[in-house]
Amino acid sequence: MTTITFLLNTFLLKRKKKIQQQSVAGFTLVELITVVIMVGVLAASGGAGYLEWLNRLRVNAAQDVMLNAIRDAQLTAKQRNAPWQVSFRETTIGGKNVIQWAVHYADTNPSVWNKIEQDGIEIDAANTNITTNNNPSGAWKVVFNHQGKVRDPNEVGRLITISNLNGRNKRCLFVASILGAVRADRNDNCKK
C-alpha cells in the first residue's frame, strides 16, 4: 500500500508541477488586449507623421528630377553649340494629373515627354513665373543659349514651384543668374 501511495503522490506531484508550469507560461487575455491597444494608439499617432514624411520625400524627388532636367538642357546647349530648352507641363494620364518634362531644341515642340514618377505633385502656377510665351506646347520653359547661359536676361530671377496636392510642401527652382545658375529652395521662399 505504501508503494501505491508513494507512486500516486509522485504522479500527482509531477502533475501539479506541470499544471503550475503551464499556467506561468504565456500571456493572459488582459495582457494581450492591453498590448494590442497600445500598438493601435502608437500606430494611429505615428501614421500622420509617416504620411507627411512620404509627401516630403515625393516633392523632394520631383524637385531633383526637374533640377537635373534643367542642367541637362544647359549641358546639351553647350555640347551642341545651339540654343536648347527645358519644358515642363501638367497633363492627365490615366485619370491622374502628372508633371512631364522635355529637353529639346529651343522654340520647337518636343516630340518626347518624360513623366515625373512621383504621384500627388503639381506645378503651383500661382507661384511660378517662368514663361510660356512663344512656346508651341504651352509649357513652362527655360531656354539656354549655345554657351549654356540663359538666352533671355528677363528669365533671370524666374522660378518654377511644385507642391504636393495639399500645398503644404513647396519646392522651387530659381534661375539665379544670367550665367544659368539654378538655385533650389523650399516652402516660404518659393513665393514670386
Protein backbone atom coordinates (compact mmCIF):
# COMPACT_ATOMS: atom_id res chain seq x y z
CA MET A 1 0.00 0.00 0.00
CA THR A 2 2.82 2.36 0.68
CA THR A 3 4.27 1.75 -2.72
CA ILE A 4 0.96 2.58 -4.35
CA THR A 5 0.58 5.67 -2.18
CA PHE A 6 4.12 6.70 -2.99
CA LEU A 7 3.52 6.29 -6.73
CA LEU A 8 0.23 8.17 -6.57
CA ASN A 9 1.80 11.02 -4.61
CA THR A 10 4.72 11.19 -7.05
CA PHE A 11 2.39 11.15 -10.04
CA LEU A 12 0.10 13.81 -8.53
CA LEU A 13 3.07 15.97 -7.51
CA LYS A 14 4.52 15.84 -11.04
CA ARG A 15 1.11 16.65 -12.49
CA LYS A 16 0.67 19.56 -10.05
CA LYS A 17 4.09 20.98 -11.04
CA LYS A 18 3.22 20.55 -14.72
CA ILE A 19 -0.08 22.42 -14.24
CA GLN A 20 1.75 25.22 -12.37
CA GLN A 21 4.35 25.49 -15.15
CA GLN A 22 1.64 25.69 -17.79
CA SER A 23 -0.20 28.46 -16.01
CA VAL A 24 3.00 30.52 -15.72
CA ALA A 25 3.89 30.24 -19.40
CA GLY A 26 2.20 32.57 -21.97
CA PHE A 27 0.11 35.70 -21.64
CA THR A 28 -3.31 36.29 -20.21
CA LEU A 29 -6.12 37.68 -22.31
CA VAL A 30 -5.96 41.00 -20.43
CA GLU A 31 -2.25 41.36 -21.22
CA LEU A 32 -2.81 40.62 -24.91
CA ILE A 33 -5.65 43.16 -25.17
CA THR A 34 -3.51 45.80 -23.43
CA VAL A 35 -0.64 45.26 -25.89
CA VAL A 36 -2.96 45.40 -28.90
CA ILE A 37 -4.48 48.68 -27.67
CA MET A 38 -1.03 50.20 -27.07
CA VAL A 39 0.15 49.21 -30.56
CA GLY A 40 -3.03 50.69 -32.06
CA VAL A 41 -2.55 54.02 -30.30
CA LEU A 42 1.09 54.23 -31.39
CA ALA A 43 0.21 53.37 -34.99
CA ALA A 44 -2.54 55.99 -35.10
CA SER A 45 -0.32 58.74 -33.72
CA GLY A 46 2.64 57.84 -35.95
CA GLY A 47 0.61 57.37 -39.14
CA ALA A 48 0.09 61.08 -39.82
CA GLY A 49 3.76 61.85 -39.36
CA TYR A 50 4.71 58.98 -41.64
CA LEU A 51 2.40 60.23 -44.41
CA GLU A 52 3.80 63.75 -44.12
CA TRP A 53 7.33 62.33 -44.38
CA LEU A 54 6.35 60.39 -47.53
CA ASN A 55 4.84 63.54 -49.10
CA ARG A 56 8.03 65.47 -48.36
CA LEU A 57 10.10 62.71 -50.00
CA ARG A 58 7.92 62.80 -53.12
CA VAL A 59 8.22 66.57 -53.54
CA ASN A 60 12.00 66.45 -52.96
CA ALA A 61 12.38 63.69 -55.55
CA ALA A 62 10.30 65.64 -58.10
CA GLN A 63 12.42 68.76 -57.47
CA ASP A 64 15.59 66.72 -58.09
CA VAL A 65 14.22 65.42 -61.40
CA MET A 66 13.34 68.96 -62.51
CA LEU A 67 16.74 70.34 -61.48
CA ASN A 68 18.51 67.57 -63.40
CA ALA A 69 16.35 68.30 -66.47
CA ILE A 70 17.34 71.99 -66.34
CA ARG A 71 21.02 71.08 -66.02
CA ASP A 72 20.67 68.58 -68.87
CA ALA A 73 19.25 71.29 -71.17
CA GLN A 74 22.07 73.63 -70.20
CA LEU A 75 24.74 70.99 -70.86
CA THR A 76 23.17 69.95 -74.17
CA ALA A 77 23.14 73.60 -75.33
CA LYS A 78 26.88 73.82 -74.66
CA GLN A 79 27.68 70.47 -76.27
CA ARG A 80 25.65 71.09 -79.43
CA ASN A 81 26.57 74.78 -79.61
CA ALA A 82 22.90 75.67 -80.15
CA PRO A 83 20.02 77.02 -78.05
CA TRP A 84 18.21 74.30 -76.09
CA GLN A 85 15.40 74.48 -73.62
CA VAL A 86 13.73 72.50 -70.90
CA SER A 87 9.94 72.49 -70.83
CA PHE A 88 7.55 71.45 -68.06
CA ARG A 89 3.83 70.84 -68.35
CA GLU A 90 0.95 69.34 -66.43
CA THR A 91 -1.22 66.81 -68.18
CA THR A 92 -3.59 63.96 -67.39
CA ILE A 93 -2.56 60.34 -67.94
CA GLY A 94 -4.95 57.57 -66.98
CA GLY A 95 -7.11 59.97 -64.97
CA LYS A 96 -4.14 61.23 -62.92
CA ASN A 97 -2.56 64.66 -63.15
CA VAL A 98 1.16 64.32 -63.83
CA ILE A 99 4.08 66.65 -64.48
CA GLN A 100 6.07 65.99 -67.62
CA TRP A 101 9.37 67.44 -68.77
CA ALA A 102 11.31 67.54 -72.02
CA VAL A 103 14.75 68.72 -73.08
CA HIS A 104 14.70 69.81 -76.73
CA TYR A 105 15.93 72.29 -79.31
CA ALA A 106 14.75 75.80 -78.45
CA ASP A 107 11.38 77.06 -79.66
CA THR A 108 10.24 73.72 -81.04
CA ASN A 109 7.54 71.40 -79.85
CA PRO A 110 9.13 68.46 -78.01
CA SER A 111 8.47 65.05 -79.51
CA VAL A 112 9.22 63.08 -76.33
CA TRP A 113 7.91 63.96 -72.88
CA ASN A 114 9.25 62.32 -69.73
CA LYS A 115 6.98 61.79 -66.74
CA ILE A 116 7.92 62.66 -63.18
CA GLU A 117 7.10 59.40 -61.43
CA GLN A 118 6.04 60.83 -58.05
CA ASP A 119 2.28 60.85 -57.51
CA GLY A 120 0.40 63.74 -55.93
CA ILE A 121 2.71 66.51 -57.21
CA GLU A 122 1.54 69.58 -59.12
CA ILE A 123 3.02 72.77 -60.53
CA ASP A 124 1.97 75.70 -58.36
CA ALA A 125 1.02 78.09 -61.17
CA ALA A 126 0.26 80.94 -58.73
CA ASN A 127 3.89 80.95 -57.59
CA THR A 128 5.51 80.06 -60.93
CA ASN A 129 6.67 82.83 -63.19
CA ILE A 130 8.82 81.23 -65.86
CA THR A 131 7.40 81.95 -69.26
CA THR A 132 5.12 80.04 -71.57
CA ASN A 133 5.22 82.73 -74.31
CA ASN A 134 6.21 81.63 -77.82
CA ASN A 135 6.24 78.02 -76.71
CA PRO A 136 4.26 75.82 -79.11
CA SER A 137 3.47 73.27 -76.40
CA GLY A 138 2.14 75.90 -73.95
CA ALA A 139 4.51 74.54 -71.33
CA TRP A 140 6.70 76.44 -68.90
CA LYS A 141 10.22 76.78 -70.31
CA VAL A 142 13.77 77.87 -69.63
CA VAL A 143 15.95 78.46 -72.73
CA PHE A 144 19.76 78.32 -72.73
CA ASN A 145 21.96 79.75 -75.49
CA HIS A 146 24.91 77.99 -77.13
CA GLN A 147 27.12 78.87 -74.12
CA GLY A 148 24.73 77.41 -71.56
CA LYS A 149 23.66 80.86 -70.38
CA VAL A 150 20.06 81.99 -70.08
CA ARG A 151 19.10 83.25 -73.54
CA ASP A 152 16.70 85.95 -72.34
CA PRO A 153 18.03 88.15 -69.49
CA ASN A 154 14.41 88.66 -68.39
CA GLU A 155 14.34 84.97 -67.39
CA VAL A 156 16.79 85.62 -64.54
CA GLY A 157 15.05 85.51 -61.18
CA ARG A 158 12.22 83.40 -62.55
CA LEU A 159 11.07 80.29 -60.78
CA ILE A 160 9.01 77.16 -61.09
CA THR A 161 7.26 75.93 -57.95
CA ILE A 162 5.89 72.47 -57.25
CA SER A 163 3.97 71.19 -54.26
CA ASN A 164 2.04 68.17 -53.10
CA LEU A 165 -1.71 68.35 -53.66
CA ASN A 166 -2.47 69.88 -50.25
CA GLY A 167 0.14 72.61 -50.90
CA ARG A 168 1.99 72.11 -47.64
CA ASN A 169 5.35 71.00 -49.07
CA LYS A 170 6.54 73.51 -51.67
CA ARG A 171 9.78 73.21 -53.58
CA CYS A 172 11.03 75.63 -56.20
CA LEU A 173 13.86 76.21 -58.65
CA PHE A 174 15.14 79.74 -59.35
CA VAL A 175 17.12 80.79 -62.40
CA ALA A 176 19.56 82.73 -60.26
CA SER A 177 21.87 84.40 -62.80
CA ILE A 178 22.31 85.10 -66.49
CA LEU A 179 25.10 82.50 -66.44
CA GLY A 180 22.44 79.87 -65.91
CA ALA A 181 22.95 79.14 -62.23
CA VAL A 182 19.91 77.40 -60.78
CA ARG A 183 19.09 77.50 -57.08
CA ALA A 184 16.73 75.16 -55.25
CA ASP A 185 14.60 76.38 -52.34
CA ARG A 186 11.56 75.39 -50.29
CA ASN A 187 8.31 76.47 -48.63
CA ASP A 188 8.02 80.22 -47.82
CA ASN A 189 11.00 81.10 -50.05
CA CYS A 190 9.02 79.88 -53.08
CA LYS A 191 6.78 82.92 -53.50
CA LYS A 192 7.17 85.12 -56.53
